C-alpha atoms as a PDB file:
ATOM      1  CA  MET A   1      -3.227  20.867   8.843  1.00  0.00           C
ATOM      2  CA  SER A   2      -1.934  17.722  10.467  1.00  0.00           C
ATOM      3  CA  GLN A   3       1.915  17.249  10.473  1.00  0.00           C
ATOM      4  CA  VAL A   4       3.963  14.264   9.297  1.00  0.00           C
ATOM      5  CA  ASN A   5       5.446  12.251  12.129  1.00  0.00           C
ATOM      6  CA  VAL A   6       9.026  11.737  11.078  1.00  0.00           C
ATOM      7  CA  GLU A   7      11.700   9.772  13.001  1.00  0.00           C
ATOM      8  CA  SER A   8      15.202  10.376  11.772  1.00  0.00           C
ATOM      9  CA  ARG A   9      17.166   7.182  11.047  1.00  0.00           C
ATOM     10  CA  PRO A  10      20.219   6.228   8.903  1.00  0.00           C
ATOM     11  CA  ALA A  11      19.040   6.389   5.283  1.00  0.00           C
ATOM     12  CA  THR A  12      18.713   2.974   3.543  1.00  0.00           C
ATOM     13  CA  ALA A  13      20.324   4.314   0.433  1.00  0.00           C
ATOM     14  CA  PRO A  14      22.232   7.581   1.215  1.00  0.00           C
ATOM     15  CA  ALA A  15      23.733   8.076  -2.170  1.00  0.00           C
ATOM     16  CA  ALA A  16      20.431   7.843  -3.909  1.00  0.00           C
ATOM     17  CA  VAL A  17      18.582  10.451  -1.870  1.00  0.00           C
ATOM     18  CA  GLN A  18      17.937  13.501  -3.886  1.00  0.00           C
ATOM     19  CA  THR A  19      16.242  16.910  -2.921  1.00  0.00           C
ATOM     20  CA  GLU A  20      13.447  16.897  -5.398  1.00  0.00           C
ATOM     21  CA  PRO A  21      10.188  15.091  -4.449  1.00  0.00           C
ATOM     22  CA  VAL A  22       9.292  11.930  -6.351  1.00  0.00           C
ATOM     23  CA  LEU A  23       5.793  11.877  -4.818  1.00  0.00           C
ATOM     24  CA  GLN A  24       3.589  14.756  -3.573  1.00  0.00           C
ATOM     25  CA  VAL A  25       0.301  14.365  -1.820  1.00  0.00           C
ATOM     26  CA  LYS A  26      -1.617  17.657  -1.254  1.00  0.00           C
ATOM     27  CA  ASN A  27      -4.761  17.965   0.932  1.00  0.00           C
ATOM     28  CA  VAL A  28      -6.079  14.621  -0.034  1.00  0.00           C
ATOM     29  CA  SER A  29      -9.353  13.344   1.418  1.00  0.00           C
ATOM     30  CA  LYS A  30     -11.239  10.062   0.579  1.00  0.00           C
ATOM     31  CA  ILE A  31     -14.970   9.913   1.482  1.00  0.00           C
ATOM     32  CA  VAL A  32     -17.198   6.988   0.498  1.00  0.00           C
ATOM     33  CA  PRO A  33     -20.956   6.714   1.038  1.00  0.00           C
ATOM     34  CA  THR A  34     -22.162   3.898   3.398  1.00  0.00           C
ATOM     35  CA  GLY A  35     -25.923   4.006   3.296  1.00  0.00           C
ATOM     36  CA  ASP A  36     -27.053   7.294   4.603  1.00  0.00           C
ATOM     37  CA  ILE A  37     -23.751   8.130   6.159  1.00  0.00           C
ATOM     38  CA  GLN A  38     -20.604   9.589   4.463  1.00  0.00           C
ATOM     39  CA  LEU A  39     -17.520   7.800   5.760  1.00  0.00           C
ATOM     40  CA  THR A  40     -14.259   9.740   5.844  1.00  0.00           C
ATOM     41  CA  ILE A  41     -11.338   7.385   5.293  1.00  0.00           C
ATOM     42  CA  LEU A  42      -8.745  10.012   4.754  1.00  0.00           C
ATOM     43  CA  ASP A  43      -9.011  13.584   5.905  1.00  0.00           C
ATOM     44  CA  ASN A  44      -6.886  16.377   4.391  1.00  0.00           C
ATOM     45  CA  VAL A  45      -3.589  14.367   4.185  1.00  0.00           C
ATOM     46  CA  SER A  46      -0.479  16.038   2.921  1.00  0.00           C
ATOM     47  CA  LEU A  47       2.918  14.285   2.378  1.00  0.00           C
ATOM     48  CA  GLU A  48       6.100  14.789   0.353  1.00  0.00           C
ATOM     49  CA  ILE A  49       8.569  11.984  -0.389  1.00  0.00           C
ATOM     50  CA  ASN A  50      11.914  12.382  -2.074  1.00  0.00           C
ATOM     51  CA  GLN A  51      13.730   9.940  -4.454  1.00  0.00           C
ATOM     52  CA  GLY A  52      15.604   7.255  -2.589  1.00  0.00           C
ATOM     53  CA  GLN A  53      13.899   7.521   0.719  1.00  0.00           C
ATOM     54  CA  SER A  54      12.272   4.588   2.635  1.00  0.00           C
ATOM     55  CA  ILE A  55       8.932   5.425   4.216  1.00  0.00           C
ATOM     56  CA  ALA A  56       6.894   3.399   6.670  1.00  0.00           C
ATOM     57  CA  ILE A  57       3.241   4.125   7.095  1.00  0.00           C
ATOM     58  CA  ILE A  58       1.930   2.803  10.348  1.00  0.00           C
ATOM     59  CA  GLY A  59      -1.231   3.145  12.447  1.00  0.00           C
ATOM     60  CA  PRO A  60      -4.116   1.013  13.811  1.00  0.00           C
ATOM     61  CA  SER A  61      -6.338  -1.156  11.645  1.00  0.00           C
ATOM     62  CA  GLY A  62      -8.817   0.892   9.722  1.00  0.00           C
ATOM     63  CA  ALA A  63      -6.771   4.150   9.995  1.00  0.00           C
ATOM     64  CA  GLY A  64      -6.554   4.555   6.224  1.00  0.00           C
ATOM     65  CA  LYS A  65      -2.985   3.248   5.592  1.00  0.00           C
ATOM     66  CA  SER A  66      -3.773   0.920   2.684  1.00  0.00           C
ATOM     67  CA  THR A  67      -6.260   3.511   1.184  1.00  0.00           C
ATOM     68  CA  LEU A  68      -3.465   6.105   1.193  1.00  0.00           C
ATOM     69  CA  LEU A  69      -0.999   3.600  -0.396  1.00  0.00           C
ATOM     70  CA  GLY A  70      -3.580   2.838  -3.147  1.00  0.00           C
ATOM     71  CA  LEU A  71      -4.143   6.556  -3.837  1.00  0.00           C
ATOM     72  CA  MET A  72      -0.427   7.341  -4.009  1.00  0.00           C
ATOM     73  CA  ALA A  73       0.084   4.431  -6.355  1.00  0.00           C
ATOM     74  CA  GLY A  74      -2.683   5.563  -8.719  1.00  0.00           C
ATOM     75  CA  LEU A  75      -4.853   2.514  -8.024  1.00  0.00           C
ATOM     76  CA  ASP A  76      -7.735   4.701  -6.865  1.00  0.00           C
ATOM     77  CA  THR A  77      -8.745   8.331  -6.935  1.00  0.00           C
ATOM     78  CA  PRO A  78      -9.337  10.784  -3.980  1.00  0.00           C
ATOM     79  CA  THR A  79     -12.511  12.551  -3.345  1.00  0.00           C
ATOM     80  CA  SER A  80     -10.437  15.785  -3.188  1.00  0.00           C
ATOM     81  CA  GLY A  81      -6.821  17.003  -3.250  1.00  0.00           C
ATOM     82  CA  SER A  82      -4.006  16.115  -5.709  1.00  0.00           C
ATOM     83  CA  ILE A  83      -1.306  13.531  -6.076  1.00  0.00           C
ATOM     84  CA  SER A  84       1.846  13.787  -8.258  1.00  0.00           C
ATOM     85  CA  LEU A  85       4.210  10.889  -9.187  1.00  0.00           C
ATOM     86  CA  GLY A  86       7.313  12.359 -10.628  1.00  0.00           C
ATOM     87  CA  SER A  87       6.150  15.166 -12.988  1.00  0.00           C
ATOM     88  CA  HIS A  88       2.716  13.547 -13.488  1.00  0.00           C
ATOM     89  CA  GLU A  89      -0.340  14.803 -11.625  1.00  0.00           C
ATOM     90  CA  ILE A  90      -2.140  11.448 -11.574  1.00  0.00           C
ATOM     91  CA  THR A  91      -5.243  12.933 -10.021  1.00  0.00           C
ATOM     92  CA  ALA A  92      -5.817  14.853 -13.151  1.00  0.00           C
ATOM     93  CA  MET A  93      -5.644  11.693 -15.376  1.00  0.00           C
ATOM     94  CA  ASP A  94      -8.101   9.044 -16.361  1.00  0.00           C
ATOM     95  CA  GLU A  95      -7.442   5.370 -15.584  1.00  0.00           C
ATOM     96  CA  GLU A  96      -5.515   4.843 -18.934  1.00  0.00           C
ATOM     97  CA  GLY A  97      -3.166   7.778 -18.066  1.00  0.00           C
ATOM     98  CA  ARG A  98      -2.564   6.495 -14.494  1.00  0.00           C
ATOM     99  CA  ALA A  99      -1.881   3.020 -15.858  1.00  0.00           C
ATOM    100  CA  ARG A 100       0.807   4.418 -18.132  1.00  0.00           C
ATOM    101  CA  VAL A 101       2.459   6.238 -15.228  1.00  0.00           C
ATOM    102  CA  ARG A 102       2.295   3.086 -13.066  1.00  0.00           C
ATOM    103  CA  ALA A 103       3.985   1.166 -15.784  1.00  0.00           C
ATOM    104  CA  GLU A 104       6.693   3.706 -16.028  1.00  0.00           C
ATOM    105  CA  LEU A 105       7.331   4.503 -12.374  1.00  0.00           C
ATOM    106  CA  VAL A 106       5.743   2.080  -9.976  1.00  0.00           C
ATOM    107  CA  GLY A 107       6.342  -1.403  -8.565  1.00  0.00           C
ATOM    108  CA  PHE A 108       4.158  -3.419  -6.035  1.00  0.00           C
ATOM    109  CA  VAL A 109       4.681  -6.031  -3.450  1.00  0.00           C
ATOM    110  CA  PHE A 110       1.506  -7.269  -1.833  1.00  0.00           C
ATOM    111  CA  GLN A 111       0.757  -9.304   1.396  1.00  0.00           C
ATOM    112  CA  THR A 112      -0.993 -11.839  -0.707  1.00  0.00           C
ATOM    113  CA  PHE A 113       1.922 -12.321  -3.267  1.00  0.00           C
ATOM    114  CA  GLN A 114      -0.508 -11.893  -6.326  1.00  0.00           C
ATOM    115  CA  LEU A 115       1.284 -14.535  -8.361  1.00  0.00           C
ATOM    116  CA  LEU A 116      -0.405 -16.178 -11.332  1.00  0.00           C
ATOM    117  CA  SER A 117      -0.840 -19.831 -10.345  1.00  0.00           C
ATOM    118  CA  SER A 118      -0.623 -21.016 -14.025  1.00  0.00           C
ATOM    119  CA  LEU A 119       2.852 -19.543 -14.554  1.00  0.00           C
ATOM    120  CA  THR A 120       6.212 -20.561 -13.201  1.00  0.00           C
ATOM    121  CA  ALA A 121       8.357 -18.279 -11.008  1.00  0.00           C
ATOM    122  CA  LEU A 122      10.320 -17.326 -14.118  1.00  0.00           C
ATOM    123  CA  GLU A 123       7.225 -16.490 -16.124  1.00  0.00           C
ATOM    124  CA  ASN A 124       5.617 -14.590 -13.257  1.00  0.00           C
ATOM    125  CA  VAL A 125       8.709 -12.368 -13.131  1.00  0.00           C
ATOM    126  CA  ALA A 126       9.061 -12.155 -16.964  1.00  0.00           C
ATOM    127  CA  LEU A 127       5.398 -11.232 -17.718  1.00  0.00           C
ATOM    128  CA  PRO A 128       5.337  -7.584 -16.858  1.00  0.00           C
ATOM    129  CA  LEU A 129       8.668  -7.167 -18.567  1.00  0.00           C
ATOM    130  CA  GLU A 130       7.198  -8.739 -21.720  1.00  0.00           C
ATOM    131  CA  LEU A 131       4.035  -6.611 -21.497  1.00  0.00           C
ATOM    132  CA  SER A 132       6.249  -3.478 -21.419  1.00  0.00           C
ATOM    133  CA  GLY A 133       8.103  -4.662 -24.503  1.00  0.00           C
ATOM    134  CA  HIS A 134      11.443  -5.329 -22.764  1.00  0.00           C
ATOM    135  CA  LYS A 135      13.780  -7.311 -24.894  1.00  0.00           C
ATOM    136  CA  GLY A 136      15.501 -10.238 -23.019  1.00  0.00           C
ATOM    137  CA  ALA A 137      12.677 -10.489 -20.416  1.00  0.00           C
ATOM    138  CA  ALA A 138      13.350 -14.107 -19.597  1.00  0.00           C
ATOM    139  CA  ALA A 139      17.090 -13.383 -19.014  1.00  0.00           C
ATOM    140  CA  LYS A 140      16.383 -10.323 -16.771  1.00  0.00           C
ATOM    141  CA  ALA A 141      13.795 -12.355 -14.797  1.00  0.00           C
ATOM    142  CA  LYS A 142      16.243 -15.151 -14.263  1.00  0.00           C
ATOM    143  CA  GLU A 143      18.812 -12.578 -13.062  1.00  0.00           C
ATOM    144  CA  TYR A 144      16.499 -11.154 -10.453  1.00  0.00           C
ATOM    145  CA  LEU A 145      15.249 -14.549  -9.284  1.00  0.00           C
ATOM    146  CA  GLU A 146      18.922 -15.529  -8.791  1.00  0.00           C
ATOM    147  CA  GLN A 147      19.425 -12.375  -6.738  1.00  0.00           C
ATOM    148  CA  VAL A 148      16.637 -13.391  -4.397  1.00  0.00           C
ATOM    149  CA  GLY A 149      18.057 -16.858  -4.056  1.00  0.00           C
ATOM    150  CA  LEU A 150      15.618 -18.705  -6.300  1.00  0.00           C
ATOM    151  CA  GLY A 151      17.882 -19.620  -9.178  1.00  0.00           C
ATOM    152  CA  ALA A 152      17.149 -23.343  -8.640  1.00  0.00           C
ATOM    153  CA  ARG A 153      13.304 -22.722  -8.527  1.00  0.00           C
ATOM    154  CA  LEU A 154      12.764 -21.063 -11.916  1.00  0.00           C
ATOM    155  CA  SER A 155      10.472 -23.742 -13.302  1.00  0.00           C
ATOM    156  CA  HIS A 156       8.381 -24.155 -10.113  1.00  0.00           C
ATOM    157  CA  TYR A 157       4.753 -23.001  -9.921  1.00  0.00           C
ATOM    158  CA  PRO A 158       3.420 -21.055  -6.936  1.00  0.00           C
ATOM    159  CA  LYS A 159       1.848 -23.985  -5.339  1.00  0.00           C
ATOM    160  CA  GLN A 160       5.250 -25.695  -5.296  1.00  0.00           C
ATOM    161  CA  LEU A 161       6.866 -22.807  -3.383  1.00  0.00           C
ATOM    162  CA  SER A 162       6.644 -21.922   0.305  1.00  0.00           C
ATOM    163  CA  GLY A 163       5.163 -18.604   1.387  1.00  0.00           C
ATOM    164  CA  GLY A 164       8.610 -17.015   1.784  1.00  0.00           C
ATOM    165  CA  GLU A 165       9.698 -18.223  -1.613  1.00  0.00           C
ATOM    166  CA  GLN A 166       6.373 -16.819  -3.291  1.00  0.00           C
ATOM    167  CA  GLN A 167       7.074 -13.387  -1.682  1.00  0.00           C
ATOM    168  CA  ARG A 168      10.670 -13.551  -3.009  1.00  0.00           C
ATOM    169  CA  VAL A 169       9.191 -14.145  -6.460  1.00  0.00           C
ATOM    170  CA  ALA A 170       6.929 -11.202  -5.928  1.00  0.00           C
ATOM    171  CA  ILE A 171       9.894  -8.993  -4.810  1.00  0.00           C
ATOM    172  CA  ALA A 172      11.953 -10.145  -7.878  1.00  0.00           C
ATOM    173  CA  ARG A 173       9.042  -9.264 -10.138  1.00  0.00           C
ATOM    174  CA  ALA A 174       8.705  -5.833  -8.624  1.00  0.00           C
ATOM    175  CA  PHE A 175      12.347  -4.953  -8.799  1.00  0.00           C
ATOM    176  CA  ALA A 176      12.936  -6.512 -12.312  1.00  0.00           C
ATOM    177  CA  CYS A 177      10.958  -3.641 -13.782  1.00  0.00           C
ATOM    178  CA  GLU A 178      13.328  -1.131 -12.088  1.00  0.00           C
ATOM    179  CA  PRO A 179      10.668   1.111 -10.621  1.00  0.00           C
ATOM    180  CA  LYS A 180      11.430   4.561  -9.291  1.00  0.00           C
ATOM    181  CA  ILE A 181       8.928   3.836  -6.414  1.00  0.00           C
ATOM    182  CA  LEU A 182       8.147   0.533  -4.825  1.00  0.00           C
ATOM    183  CA  PHE A 183       4.856   0.269  -2.876  1.00  0.00           C
ATOM    184  CA  ALA A 184       4.620  -2.541  -0.457  1.00  0.00           C
ATOM    185  CA  ASP A 185       1.457  -3.380   1.464  1.00  0.00           C
ATOM    186  CA  GLU A 186       2.158  -5.500   4.601  1.00  0.00           C
ATOM    187  CA  PRO A 187       4.938  -7.444   2.637  1.00  0.00           C
ATOM    188  CA  THR A 188       5.723  -9.746   5.628  1.00  0.00           C
ATOM    189  CA  GLY A 189       2.108 -10.065   7.010  1.00  0.00           C
ATOM    190  CA  ASN A 190       1.515 -13.628   5.773  1.00  0.00           C
ATOM    191  CA  LEU A 191       4.936 -14.917   6.938  1.00  0.00           C
ATOM    192  CA  ASP A 192       6.312 -16.293  10.063  1.00  0.00           C
ATOM    193  CA  GLN A 193       8.823 -14.195  12.044  1.00  0.00           C
ATOM    194  CA  THR A 194      11.954 -15.884  10.684  1.00  0.00           C
ATOM    195  CA  THR A 195      10.798 -15.842   7.073  1.00  0.00           C
ATOM    196  CA  GLY A 196       9.509 -12.404   7.333  1.00  0.00           C
ATOM    197  CA  GLY A 197      12.903 -11.125   8.660  1.00  0.00           C
ATOM    198  CA  ALA A 198      14.668 -12.815   5.736  1.00  0.00           C
ATOM    199  CA  VAL A 199      12.156 -11.240   3.262  1.00  0.00           C
ATOM    200  CA  SER A 200      12.681  -7.840   4.941  1.00  0.00           C
ATOM    201  CA  ASP A 201      16.430  -8.110   4.551  1.00  0.00           C
ATOM    202  CA  LEU A 202      16.030  -8.908   0.999  1.00  0.00           C
ATOM    203  CA  LEU A 203      13.546  -5.961   0.396  1.00  0.00           C
ATOM    204  CA  PHE A 204      15.922  -3.486   1.922  1.00  0.00           C
ATOM    205  CA  ASP A 205      19.072  -5.013   0.285  1.00  0.00           C
ATOM    206  CA  LEU A 206      17.505  -4.703  -3.155  1.00  0.00           C
ATOM    207  CA  ASN A 207      16.115  -1.239  -2.332  1.00  0.00           C
ATOM    208  CA  ASP A 208      19.711  -0.079  -1.291  1.00  0.00           C
ATOM    209  CA  LYS A 209      21.219  -1.584  -4.476  1.00  0.00           C
ATOM    210  CA  ASN A 210      18.671  -0.088  -6.861  1.00  0.00           C
ATOM    211  CA  GLY A 211      18.177   3.377  -5.085  1.00  0.00           C
ATOM    212  CA  THR A 212      14.374   2.846  -5.329  1.00  0.00           C
ATOM    213  CA  THR A 213      11.981   4.870  -3.172  1.00  0.00           C
ATOM    214  CA  LEU A 214      10.324   2.444  -0.835  1.00  0.00           C
ATOM    215  CA  ILE A 215       6.928   3.126   0.634  1.00  0.00           C
ATOM    216  CA  LEU A 216       5.504   0.371   2.798  1.00  0.00           C
ATOM    217  CA  VAL A 217       2.495  -0.148   5.004  1.00  0.00           C
ATOM    218  CA  THR A 218       3.225  -2.372   8.089  1.00  0.00           C
ATOM    219  CA  HIS A 219       1.911  -3.198  11.509  1.00  0.00           C
ATOM    220  CA  GLU A 220       5.456  -4.452  12.428  1.00  0.00           C
ATOM    221  CA  GLN A 221       7.405  -1.839  14.387  1.00  0.00           C
ATOM    222  CA  ARG A 222      10.806  -3.530  13.731  1.00  0.00           C
ATOM    223  CA  LEU A 223      10.169  -3.353   9.995  1.00  0.00           C
ATOM    224  CA  ALA A 224       9.028   0.257  10.266  1.00  0.00           C
ATOM    225  CA  GLU A 225      12.198   1.220  12.181  1.00  0.00           C
ATOM    226  CA  ARG A 226      14.367   0.171   9.432  1.00  0.00           C
ATOM    227  CA  CYS A 227      12.935   2.927   7.264  1.00  0.00           C
ATOM    228  CA  SER A 228      14.355   6.473   7.164  1.00  0.00           C
ATOM    229  CA  ARG A 229      11.037   7.949   7.965  1.00  0.00           C
ATOM    230  CA  ILE A 230       7.884   6.823   9.781  1.00  0.00           C
ATOM    231  CA  VAL A 231       4.459   8.348   9.023  1.00  0.00           C
ATOM    232  CA  THR A 232       1.723   7.594  11.558  1.00  0.00           C
ATOM    233  CA  ILE A 233      -1.864   7.684  10.440  1.00  0.00           C
ATOM    234  CA  ASP A 234      -4.824   7.550  12.923  1.00  0.00           C
ATOM    235  CA  ASP A 235      -8.430   7.998  12.054  1.00  0.00           C
ATOM    236  CA  GLY A 236      -7.678   9.152   8.524  1.00  0.00           C
ATOM    237  CA  ARG A 237      -5.113  11.911   9.498  1.00  0.00           C
ATOM    238  CA  ILE A 238      -1.335  12.123   9.761  1.00  0.00           C
ATOM    239  CA  VAL A 239      -0.656  12.658  13.391  1.00  0.00           C
ATOM    240  CA  ASP A 240       2.262  13.880  15.466  1.00  0.00           C
END
């Protein structure tokens, strides 16, 4: 079995790191048909992540990084193998069950921000809180937008915000739900270097404050090196 490539670095949130795994991936493969050919995207991947760790998944384009992220988050199902989030084996659940686990444990930050254009910054952050039945959703959304430096932009719509501001709204939305695990797929990929650096600082600052497990896919080596572990994928396998 391929081994995880781990580079030891100072932990982002030392006090939050615990010994028990919050995510377990066991012998996971993802194979999809493409005409007469079976395309193997992931090949027998195993990985264990503890609460409070920060993990960077790196590798060349097409290596399977985003596919693995989606499987770990319960957005897709593997062809074989098992994945557990906390005490939940999500590969044994239907979509409704996986959705409940995602709502309970998971937050997302995407490269393309995924904001609703018809909602203000405040409404975008408050919406998932409202859907989960959180009392005082607007007040909590305002609190997190202030933490990301957007207290003066609460009533602005996405088209009125810069790319960096939109990503900050997306980060506030993710952390406001206080997830145990935050998945980030190329969170600085659509930003210039200066703005991307500021967004990275914010992502790790909030992660440190909340003790959240951070799992991110990135092509940026400097961003990866800020994590406590680096996992390298090539051709669907975790490599040394």
